[in-house]
């Protein structure tokens, strides 16, 4: 950079390095290749309070890693493959992801007893809503996803409880 008097090859990020800090408070500790995060490392984003620890490929999360409340597989910087997600309402999802969305077989359990299984593009396709007053499960009918010309997703059925 403009403040560095070191030869260019000495300032390149490659191999295992100590922690690299940015002026905004972000930091990365791990391995590099061709000035990109590559291999295994930990990235912290101060503004969002997020920390990712895991595999990197070409400066993107790729392989297995943990991002605060998600632990699982990554591909091209998106959740992809088998993974678990926990959120602040104590609900959790354990299942398949594709391009950052819940997709395929997986189970989302909510504190009120609702359980959703089988996902498509982040939306539940089937599951049970548990009636905690009458202790009875009500199935969610399966539905198809339809797409308009503008790209908005329209659900093919509504829930009638």
N, C-alpha and C. Protein backbone atom coordinates (compact mmCIF):
# COMPACT_ATOMS: atom_id res chain seq x y z
N UNK A 1 0.82 -1.19 0.00
CA UNK A 1 0.00 0.00 0.00
C UNK A 1 0.85 1.23 0.00
N UNK A 2 0.24 2.43 -0.04
CA UNK A 2 0.98 3.68 -0.10
C UNK A 2 1.82 3.94 1.15
N UNK A 3 1.47 3.37 2.30
CA UNK A 3 2.23 3.60 3.53
C UNK A 3 3.35 2.58 3.70
N UNK A 4 3.36 1.55 2.89
CA UNK A 4 4.33 0.48 3.03
C UNK A 4 5.55 0.74 2.16
N UNK A 5 6.73 0.51 2.73
CA UNK A 5 7.96 0.64 1.96
C UNK A 5 8.55 -0.75 1.66
N UNK A 6 7.81 -1.80 2.03
CA UNK A 6 8.28 -3.16 1.78
C UNK A 6 8.09 -3.50 0.31
N UNK A 7 8.99 -4.34 -0.22
CA UNK A 7 8.79 -4.79 -1.60
C UNK A 7 7.44 -5.50 -1.74
N UNK A 8 6.86 -5.42 -2.93
CA UNK A 8 5.52 -5.96 -3.16
C UNK A 8 5.41 -7.42 -2.75
N UNK A 9 6.40 -8.25 -3.07
CA UNK A 9 6.31 -9.68 -2.75
C UNK A 9 6.27 -9.92 -1.24
N UNK A 10 6.85 -9.01 -0.44
CA UNK A 10 6.82 -9.16 1.01
C UNK A 10 5.46 -8.79 1.60
N UNK A 11 4.70 -7.95 0.92
CA UNK A 11 3.39 -7.52 1.45
C UNK A 11 2.25 -8.40 0.96
N UNK A 12 2.55 -9.36 0.07
CA UNK A 12 1.50 -10.26 -0.41
C UNK A 12 1.00 -11.15 0.71
N UNK A 13 -0.29 -11.43 0.67
CA UNK A 13 -0.89 -12.33 1.65
C UNK A 13 -0.85 -13.73 1.06
N UNK A 14 -0.04 -14.60 1.66
CA UNK A 14 0.05 -15.98 1.22
C UNK A 14 0.56 -16.82 2.37
N UNK A 15 0.10 -18.09 2.41
CA UNK A 15 0.51 -18.98 3.49
C UNK A 15 -0.17 -18.62 4.80
N UNK A 16 0.41 -19.10 5.88
CA UNK A 16 -0.15 -18.84 7.21
C UNK A 16 0.37 -17.50 7.71
N UNK A 17 -0.54 -16.63 8.13
CA UNK A 17 -0.14 -15.30 8.60
C UNK A 17 -0.74 -15.06 9.96
N UNK A 18 -0.22 -14.07 10.63
CA UNK A 18 -0.84 -13.64 11.87
C UNK A 18 -2.13 -12.93 11.52
N UNK A 19 -2.82 -12.45 12.52
CA UNK A 19 -4.10 -11.78 12.30
C UNK A 19 -3.91 -10.52 11.45
N UNK A 20 -4.78 -10.36 10.45
CA UNK A 20 -4.79 -9.18 9.59
C UNK A 20 -5.98 -8.32 10.02
N UNK A 21 -5.72 -7.09 10.44
CA UNK A 21 -6.76 -6.17 10.89
C UNK A 21 -7.07 -5.14 9.82
N UNK A 22 -8.33 -4.73 9.75
CA UNK A 22 -8.74 -3.63 8.87
C UNK A 22 -9.08 -2.43 9.73
N UNK A 23 -9.08 -1.26 9.14
CA UNK A 23 -9.36 -0.02 9.87
C UNK A 23 -10.76 -0.01 10.47
N UNK A 24 -11.72 -0.71 9.86
CA UNK A 24 -13.11 -0.72 10.36
C UNK A 24 -13.32 -1.68 11.52
N UNK A 25 -12.26 -2.38 11.97
CA UNK A 25 -12.37 -3.29 13.09
C UNK A 25 -12.52 -4.75 12.70
N UNK A 26 -12.71 -5.05 11.41
CA UNK A 26 -12.78 -6.43 10.94
C UNK A 26 -11.38 -7.06 11.05
N UNK A 27 -11.33 -8.37 11.23
CA UNK A 27 -10.04 -9.04 11.17
C UNK A 27 -10.19 -10.46 10.67
N UNK A 28 -9.09 -10.98 10.13
CA UNK A 28 -9.02 -12.35 9.64
C UNK A 28 -7.72 -12.97 10.13
N UNK A 29 -7.83 -14.19 10.63
CA UNK A 29 -6.64 -14.96 11.02
C UNK A 29 -6.74 -16.31 10.36
N UNK A 30 -5.78 -16.62 9.51
CA UNK A 30 -5.81 -17.90 8.82
C UNK A 30 -4.85 -17.94 7.67
N UNK A 31 -5.12 -18.83 6.73
CA UNK A 31 -4.22 -19.02 5.60
C UNK A 31 -4.69 -18.23 4.38
N UNK A 32 -3.72 -17.90 3.53
CA UNK A 32 -3.95 -17.08 2.34
C UNK A 32 -3.34 -17.76 1.13
N UNK A 33 -3.87 -17.42 -0.03
CA UNK A 33 -3.26 -17.82 -1.29
C UNK A 33 -3.57 -16.73 -2.30
N UNK A 34 -2.56 -16.18 -2.94
CA UNK A 34 -2.72 -15.11 -3.94
C UNK A 34 -3.54 -13.94 -3.40
N UNK A 35 -3.24 -13.49 -2.19
CA UNK A 35 -3.91 -12.35 -1.55
C UNK A 35 -5.38 -12.61 -1.25
N UNK A 36 -5.79 -13.87 -1.20
CA UNK A 36 -7.19 -14.22 -0.90
C UNK A 36 -7.22 -15.21 0.26
N UNK A 37 -8.28 -15.13 1.07
CA UNK A 37 -8.47 -16.11 2.14
C UNK A 37 -8.67 -17.47 1.46
N UNK A 38 -7.86 -18.44 1.89
CA UNK A 38 -7.89 -19.75 1.25
C UNK A 38 -7.31 -20.77 2.22
N UNK A 39 -8.07 -21.83 2.48
CA UNK A 39 -7.64 -22.83 3.46
C UNK A 39 -8.55 -22.76 4.67
N UNK A 40 -7.98 -22.59 5.85
CA UNK A 40 -8.74 -22.52 7.09
C UNK A 40 -8.46 -21.20 7.78
N UNK A 41 -9.54 -20.56 8.27
CA UNK A 41 -9.34 -19.30 8.97
C UNK A 41 -10.59 -18.81 9.68
N UNK A 42 -10.39 -17.73 10.44
CA UNK A 42 -11.48 -17.09 11.19
C UNK A 42 -11.60 -15.64 10.73
N UNK A 43 -12.81 -15.25 10.33
CA UNK A 43 -13.10 -13.87 9.92
C UNK A 43 -14.09 -13.28 10.89
N UNK A 44 -13.82 -12.07 11.37
CA UNK A 44 -14.74 -11.36 12.26
C UNK A 44 -15.15 -10.05 11.59
N UNK A 45 -16.48 -9.81 11.50
CA UNK A 45 -17.02 -8.57 10.95
C UNK A 45 -17.57 -7.76 12.11
N UNK A 46 -16.86 -6.70 12.50
CA UNK A 46 -17.23 -5.91 13.68
C UNK A 46 -18.61 -5.28 13.55
N UNK A 47 -18.91 -4.68 12.41
CA UNK A 47 -20.18 -3.96 12.22
C UNK A 47 -21.39 -4.86 12.50
N UNK A 48 -21.31 -6.12 12.13
CA UNK A 48 -22.43 -7.05 12.26
C UNK A 48 -22.30 -7.98 13.47
N UNK A 49 -21.15 -7.97 14.13
CA UNK A 49 -20.92 -8.86 15.26
C UNK A 49 -20.89 -10.32 14.85
N UNK A 50 -20.48 -10.60 13.63
CA UNK A 50 -20.46 -11.97 13.10
C UNK A 50 -19.04 -12.52 13.07
N UNK A 51 -18.95 -13.81 13.32
CA UNK A 51 -17.66 -14.50 13.22
C UNK A 51 -17.87 -15.80 12.47
N UNK A 52 -17.05 -16.02 11.47
CA UNK A 52 -17.05 -17.28 10.71
C UNK A 52 -15.71 -17.97 10.96
N UNK A 53 -15.77 -19.23 11.30
CA UNK A 53 -14.56 -20.04 11.47
C UNK A 53 -14.72 -21.29 10.63
N UNK A 54 -13.80 -21.49 9.69
CA UNK A 54 -13.92 -22.68 8.85
C UNK A 54 -13.09 -22.59 7.59
N UNK A 55 -13.57 -23.31 6.58
CA UNK A 55 -12.86 -23.44 5.31
C UNK A 55 -13.14 -22.27 4.38
N UNK A 56 -12.11 -21.89 3.63
CA UNK A 56 -12.19 -20.82 2.63
C UNK A 56 -11.63 -21.33 1.31
N UNK A 57 -12.18 -20.82 0.23
CA UNK A 57 -11.64 -21.11 -1.10
C UNK A 57 -11.80 -19.87 -1.94
N UNK A 58 -10.70 -19.34 -2.44
CA UNK A 58 -10.73 -18.15 -3.30
C UNK A 58 -11.48 -16.98 -2.66
N UNK A 59 -11.25 -16.72 -1.39
CA UNK A 59 -11.82 -15.59 -0.65
C UNK A 59 -13.30 -15.76 -0.32
N UNK A 60 -13.83 -16.99 -0.47
CA UNK A 60 -15.24 -17.26 -0.15
C UNK A 60 -15.34 -18.44 0.80
N UNK A 61 -16.37 -18.45 1.65
CA UNK A 61 -16.61 -19.58 2.54
C UNK A 61 -16.98 -20.78 1.67
N UNK A 62 -16.25 -21.88 1.88
CA UNK A 62 -16.45 -23.05 1.02
C UNK A 62 -15.91 -24.26 1.76
N UNK A 63 -16.76 -25.25 2.01
CA UNK A 63 -16.36 -26.41 2.79
C UNK A 63 -17.21 -26.47 4.04
N UNK A 64 -16.59 -26.67 5.20
CA UNK A 64 -17.32 -26.75 6.47
C UNK A 64 -16.90 -25.58 7.35
N UNK A 65 -17.91 -24.94 7.97
CA UNK A 65 -17.59 -23.83 8.85
C UNK A 65 -18.78 -23.44 9.70
N UNK A 66 -18.52 -22.55 10.66
CA UNK A 66 -19.55 -22.08 11.59
C UNK A 66 -19.64 -20.56 11.51
N UNK A 67 -20.85 -20.05 11.33
CA UNK A 67 -21.10 -18.61 11.35
C UNK A 67 -22.09 -18.36 12.47
N UNK A 68 -21.60 -17.84 13.58
CA UNK A 68 -22.40 -17.58 14.78
C UNK A 68 -23.42 -18.68 15.05
N UNK A 69 -24.57 -18.66 14.42
CA UNK A 69 -25.65 -19.58 14.75
C UNK A 69 -25.86 -20.65 13.68
N UNK A 70 -24.95 -20.74 12.72
CA UNK A 70 -25.04 -21.77 11.68
C UNK A 70 -23.77 -22.61 11.71
N UNK A 71 -23.94 -23.92 11.67
CA UNK A 71 -22.79 -24.81 11.57
C UNK A 71 -23.10 -25.82 10.49
N UNK A 72 -22.26 -25.86 9.47
CA UNK A 72 -22.51 -26.80 8.40
C UNK A 72 -21.64 -26.54 7.20
N UNK A 73 -22.14 -26.97 6.05
CA UNK A 73 -21.38 -26.90 4.82
C UNK A 73 -21.66 -25.60 4.07
N UNK A 74 -20.65 -25.16 3.32
CA UNK A 74 -20.72 -23.93 2.54
C UNK A 74 -20.26 -24.22 1.12
N UNK A 75 -20.77 -23.43 0.18
CA UNK A 75 -20.31 -23.51 -1.20
C UNK A 75 -20.43 -22.12 -1.81
N UNK A 76 -19.34 -21.61 -2.31
CA UNK A 76 -19.33 -20.32 -2.99
C UNK A 76 -19.93 -19.22 -2.10
N UNK A 77 -19.57 -19.21 -0.83
CA UNK A 77 -19.96 -18.18 0.14
C UNK A 77 -21.41 -18.29 0.61
N UNK A 78 -22.11 -19.40 0.30
CA UNK A 78 -23.50 -19.60 0.72
C UNK A 78 -23.64 -20.93 1.47
N UNK A 79 -24.61 -21.00 2.39
CA UNK A 79 -24.92 -22.26 3.06
C UNK A 79 -25.36 -23.25 1.98
N UNK A 80 -24.73 -24.44 1.94
CA UNK A 80 -25.04 -25.39 0.89
C UNK A 80 -24.63 -26.78 1.35
N UNK A 81 -25.59 -27.69 1.46
CA UNK A 81 -25.32 -29.03 1.97
C UNK A 81 -26.00 -29.21 3.31
N UNK A 82 -25.44 -30.03 4.17
CA UNK A 82 -26.01 -30.32 5.49
C UNK A 82 -25.59 -29.24 6.47
N UNK A 83 -26.57 -28.74 7.27
CA UNK A 83 -26.24 -27.73 8.25
C UNK A 83 -27.29 -27.55 9.31
N UNK A 84 -26.90 -26.92 10.42
CA UNK A 84 -27.81 -26.63 11.53
C UNK A 84 -27.81 -25.12 11.77
N UNK A 85 -29.01 -24.58 12.02
CA UNK A 85 -29.16 -23.15 12.27
C UNK A 85 -29.99 -22.95 13.53
N UNK A 86 -29.53 -22.09 14.42
CA UNK A 86 -30.25 -21.75 15.64
C UNK A 86 -30.48 -20.26 15.65
N UNK A 87 -31.68 -19.81 16.08
CA UNK A 87 -31.88 -18.37 16.19
C UNK A 87 -32.27 -18.00 17.61
N UNK A 88 -32.45 -16.70 17.85
CA UNK A 88 -32.65 -16.20 19.21
C UNK A 88 -33.98 -16.62 19.83
N UNK A 89 -34.94 -17.09 19.03
CA UNK A 89 -36.22 -17.53 19.60
C UNK A 89 -36.17 -19.00 20.01
N UNK A 90 -34.99 -19.57 20.00
CA UNK A 90 -34.75 -20.96 20.39
C UNK A 90 -35.33 -21.96 19.38
N UNK A 91 -35.80 -21.48 18.23
CA UNK A 91 -36.18 -22.43 17.19
C UNK A 91 -34.89 -22.88 16.51
N UNK A 92 -34.94 -24.04 15.89
CA UNK A 92 -33.74 -24.49 15.20
C UNK A 92 -34.11 -25.32 13.97
N UNK A 93 -33.19 -25.32 13.01
CA UNK A 93 -33.36 -26.06 11.77
C UNK A 93 -32.16 -26.99 11.61
N UNK A 94 -32.44 -28.22 11.25
CA UNK A 94 -31.39 -29.20 10.99
C UNK A 94 -31.75 -29.88 9.68
N UNK A 95 -30.96 -29.64 8.64
CA UNK A 95 -31.30 -30.24 7.36
C UNK A 95 -30.46 -29.74 6.22
N UNK A 96 -31.01 -29.84 5.03
CA UNK A 96 -30.31 -29.50 3.80
C UNK A 96 -30.47 -28.02 3.44
N UNK A 97 -29.43 -27.48 2.85
CA UNK A 97 -29.40 -26.10 2.36
C UNK A 97 -28.96 -26.13 0.90
N UNK A 98 -29.44 -25.16 0.13
CA UNK A 98 -28.99 -25.02 -1.25
C UNK A 98 -28.97 -23.54 -1.58
N UNK A 99 -27.82 -23.04 -1.98
CA UNK A 99 -27.63 -21.64 -2.35
C UNK A 99 -28.14 -20.69 -1.26
N UNK A 100 -27.86 -21.03 0.00
CA UNK A 100 -28.21 -20.16 1.12
C UNK A 100 -29.63 -20.31 1.65
N UNK A 101 -30.44 -21.19 1.06
CA UNK A 101 -31.84 -21.37 1.46
C UNK A 101 -32.07 -22.79 1.97
N UNK A 102 -33.01 -22.92 2.92
CA UNK A 102 -33.43 -24.26 3.34
C UNK A 102 -34.05 -24.94 2.12
N UNK A 103 -33.61 -26.15 1.81
CA UNK A 103 -34.10 -26.81 0.60
C UNK A 103 -33.95 -28.32 0.75
N UNK A 104 -35.00 -29.06 0.46
CA UNK A 104 -34.95 -30.51 0.57
C UNK A 104 -35.41 -30.96 1.94
N UNK A 105 -34.83 -32.07 2.41
CA UNK A 105 -35.25 -32.63 3.69
C UNK A 105 -34.58 -31.88 4.84
N UNK A 106 -35.39 -31.42 5.77
CA UNK A 106 -34.89 -30.74 6.95
C UNK A 106 -36.02 -30.52 7.92
N UNK A 107 -35.69 -30.24 9.16
CA UNK A 107 -36.72 -30.08 10.18
C UNK A 107 -36.49 -28.77 10.93
N UNK A 108 -37.53 -27.90 10.94
CA UNK A 108 -37.51 -26.65 11.70
C UNK A 108 -38.48 -26.83 12.85
N UNK A 109 -38.00 -26.67 14.06
CA UNK A 109 -38.83 -26.81 15.25
C UNK A 109 -38.90 -25.46 15.95
N UNK A 110 -40.13 -25.01 16.22
CA UNK A 110 -40.36 -23.74 16.91
C UNK A 110 -40.72 -23.99 18.37
N UNK A 111 -40.50 -23.01 19.26
CA UNK A 111 -40.81 -23.19 20.68
C UNK A 111 -42.26 -23.55 20.96
N UNK A 112 -43.20 -23.12 20.10
CA UNK A 112 -44.62 -23.42 20.33
C UNK A 112 -45.00 -24.83 19.88
N UNK A 113 -44.04 -25.60 19.37
CA UNK A 113 -44.31 -26.97 18.98
C UNK A 113 -44.49 -27.17 17.48
N UNK A 114 -44.57 -26.09 16.70
CA UNK A 114 -44.70 -26.24 15.25
C UNK A 114 -43.45 -26.94 14.70
N UNK A 115 -43.67 -27.88 13.81
CA UNK A 115 -42.57 -28.59 13.16
C UNK A 115 -42.81 -28.53 11.65
N UNK A 116 -41.83 -28.04 10.91
CA UNK A 116 -41.93 -27.98 9.46
C UNK A 116 -40.84 -28.85 8.85
N UNK A 117 -41.23 -29.66 7.86
CA UNK A 117 -40.29 -30.54 7.16
C UNK A 117 -40.42 -30.29 5.66
N UNK A 118 -39.42 -30.67 4.95
CA UNK A 118 -39.41 -30.58 3.48
C UNK A 118 -39.53 -29.13 3.02
N UNK A 119 -38.46 -28.64 2.45
CA UNK A 119 -38.33 -27.23 2.10
C UNK A 119 -38.02 -27.05 0.63
N UNK A 120 -38.45 -25.90 0.10
CA UNK A 120 -38.13 -25.53 -1.27
C UNK A 120 -37.91 -24.03 -1.31
N UNK A 121 -36.72 -23.61 -1.70
CA UNK A 121 -36.36 -22.19 -1.78
C UNK A 121 -36.63 -21.44 -0.48
N UNK A 122 -36.38 -22.06 0.65
CA UNK A 122 -36.56 -21.41 1.94
C UNK A 122 -37.97 -21.47 2.51
N UNK A 123 -38.91 -22.08 1.78
CA UNK A 123 -40.31 -22.18 2.24
C UNK A 123 -40.64 -23.62 2.61
N UNK A 124 -41.42 -23.80 3.70
CA UNK A 124 -41.84 -25.13 4.12
C UNK A 124 -42.86 -25.68 3.14
N UNK A 125 -42.68 -26.94 2.75
CA UNK A 125 -43.64 -27.61 1.87
C UNK A 125 -44.58 -28.51 2.65
N UNK A 126 -44.15 -28.99 3.82
CA UNK A 126 -45.01 -29.85 4.63
C UNK A 126 -44.55 -29.81 6.08
N UNK A 127 -45.44 -30.26 6.98
CA UNK A 127 -45.10 -30.28 8.39
C UNK A 127 -46.33 -30.42 9.25
N UNK A 128 -46.19 -30.19 10.54
CA UNK A 128 -47.29 -30.25 11.49
C UNK A 128 -47.30 -29.00 12.35
N UNK A 129 -48.49 -28.50 12.60
CA UNK A 129 -48.67 -27.43 13.57
C UNK A 129 -49.30 -28.09 14.78
N UNK A 130 -48.66 -27.98 15.92
CA UNK A 130 -49.17 -28.63 17.12
C UNK A 130 -50.08 -27.67 17.86
N UNK A 131 -51.32 -28.11 18.12
CA UNK A 131 -52.30 -27.34 18.88
C UNK A 131 -52.03 -27.63 20.35
N UNK A 132 -51.35 -26.70 21.04
CA UNK A 132 -50.95 -26.96 22.43
C UNK A 132 -52.13 -26.91 23.39
N UNK A 133 -53.27 -26.35 22.96
CA UNK A 133 -54.46 -26.32 23.81
C UNK A 133 -55.12 -27.69 23.82
N UNK A 134 -55.27 -28.30 22.64
CA UNK A 134 -55.96 -29.59 22.52
C UNK A 134 -54.99 -30.76 22.34
N UNK A 135 -53.70 -30.50 22.36
CA UNK A 135 -52.67 -31.51 22.16
C UNK A 135 -52.98 -32.37 20.93
N UNK A 136 -53.10 -31.70 19.80
CA UNK A 136 -53.44 -32.37 18.56
C UNK A 136 -52.59 -31.78 17.43
N UNK A 137 -52.09 -32.61 16.56
CA UNK A 137 -51.29 -32.13 15.44
C UNK A 137 -52.17 -31.93 14.21
N UNK A 138 -51.96 -30.82 13.50
CA UNK A 138 -52.68 -30.52 12.27
C UNK A 138 -51.67 -30.52 11.13
N UNK A 139 -51.86 -31.36 10.10
CA UNK A 139 -50.90 -31.37 9.00
C UNK A 139 -51.01 -30.11 8.14
N UNK A 140 -49.90 -29.70 7.60
CA UNK A 140 -49.88 -28.59 6.64
C UNK A 140 -50.00 -29.22 5.26
N UNK A 141 -50.96 -28.78 4.45
CA UNK A 141 -51.08 -29.36 3.11
C UNK A 141 -49.85 -29.02 2.27
N UNK A 142 -49.47 -29.94 1.40
CA UNK A 142 -48.36 -29.64 0.50
C UNK A 142 -48.80 -28.61 -0.52
N UNK A 143 -47.86 -27.80 -0.98
CA UNK A 143 -48.18 -26.79 -1.99
C UNK A 143 -47.04 -26.68 -2.97
N UNK A 144 -47.34 -26.14 -4.11
CA UNK A 144 -46.34 -25.93 -5.15
C UNK A 144 -45.97 -24.45 -5.16
N UNK A 145 -44.74 -24.14 -5.52
CA UNK A 145 -44.31 -22.76 -5.66
C UNK A 145 -44.44 -22.37 -7.13
N UNK A 146 -45.04 -21.22 -7.37
CA UNK A 146 -45.19 -20.70 -8.72
C UNK A 146 -44.46 -19.37 -8.77
N UNK A 147 -43.91 -19.04 -9.94
CA UNK A 147 -43.17 -17.79 -10.06
C UNK A 147 -43.83 -16.91 -11.12
N UNK A 148 -44.02 -15.63 -10.77
CA UNK A 148 -44.56 -14.67 -11.73
C UNK A 148 -43.44 -14.18 -12.63
N UNK A 149 -43.82 -13.42 -13.66
CA UNK A 149 -42.82 -12.86 -14.58
C UNK A 149 -41.84 -11.96 -13.85
N UNK A 150 -42.30 -11.24 -12.82
CA UNK A 150 -41.44 -10.32 -12.08
C UNK A 150 -40.53 -11.03 -11.10
N UNK A 151 -40.65 -12.35 -10.97
CA UNK A 151 -39.77 -13.09 -10.08
C UNK A 151 -40.32 -13.25 -8.67
N UNK A 152 -41.50 -12.68 -8.35
CA UNK A 152 -42.08 -12.85 -7.03
C UNK A 152 -42.61 -14.26 -6.89
N UNK A 153 -42.43 -14.84 -5.72
CA UNK A 153 -42.89 -16.21 -5.48
C UNK A 153 -44.33 -16.17 -4.99
N UNK A 154 -45.17 -17.00 -5.59
CA UNK A 154 -46.57 -17.10 -5.21
C UNK A 154 -46.80 -18.51 -4.68
N UNK A 155 -47.42 -18.65 -3.53
CA UNK A 155 -47.71 -19.96 -2.98
C UNK A 155 -48.97 -20.50 -3.63
N UNK A 156 -48.95 -21.79 -3.98
CA UNK A 156 -50.07 -22.40 -4.69
C UNK A 156 -51.21 -22.83 -3.78
N UNK A 157 -51.08 -22.75 -2.47
CA UNK A 157 -52.16 -23.11 -1.55
C UNK A 157 -52.03 -22.28 -0.28
N UNK A 158 -53.12 -22.10 0.41
CA UNK A 158 -53.09 -21.38 1.68
C UNK A 158 -53.41 -22.34 2.80
N UNK A 159 -52.99 -22.00 3.99
CA UNK A 159 -53.25 -22.86 5.14
C UNK A 159 -54.62 -22.56 5.70
N UNK A 160 -55.41 -23.58 5.94
CA UNK A 160 -56.74 -23.43 6.55
C UNK A 160 -56.75 -24.25 7.83
N UNK A 161 -56.72 -23.58 8.96
CA UNK A 161 -56.70 -24.30 10.24
C UNK A 161 -58.01 -24.13 10.95
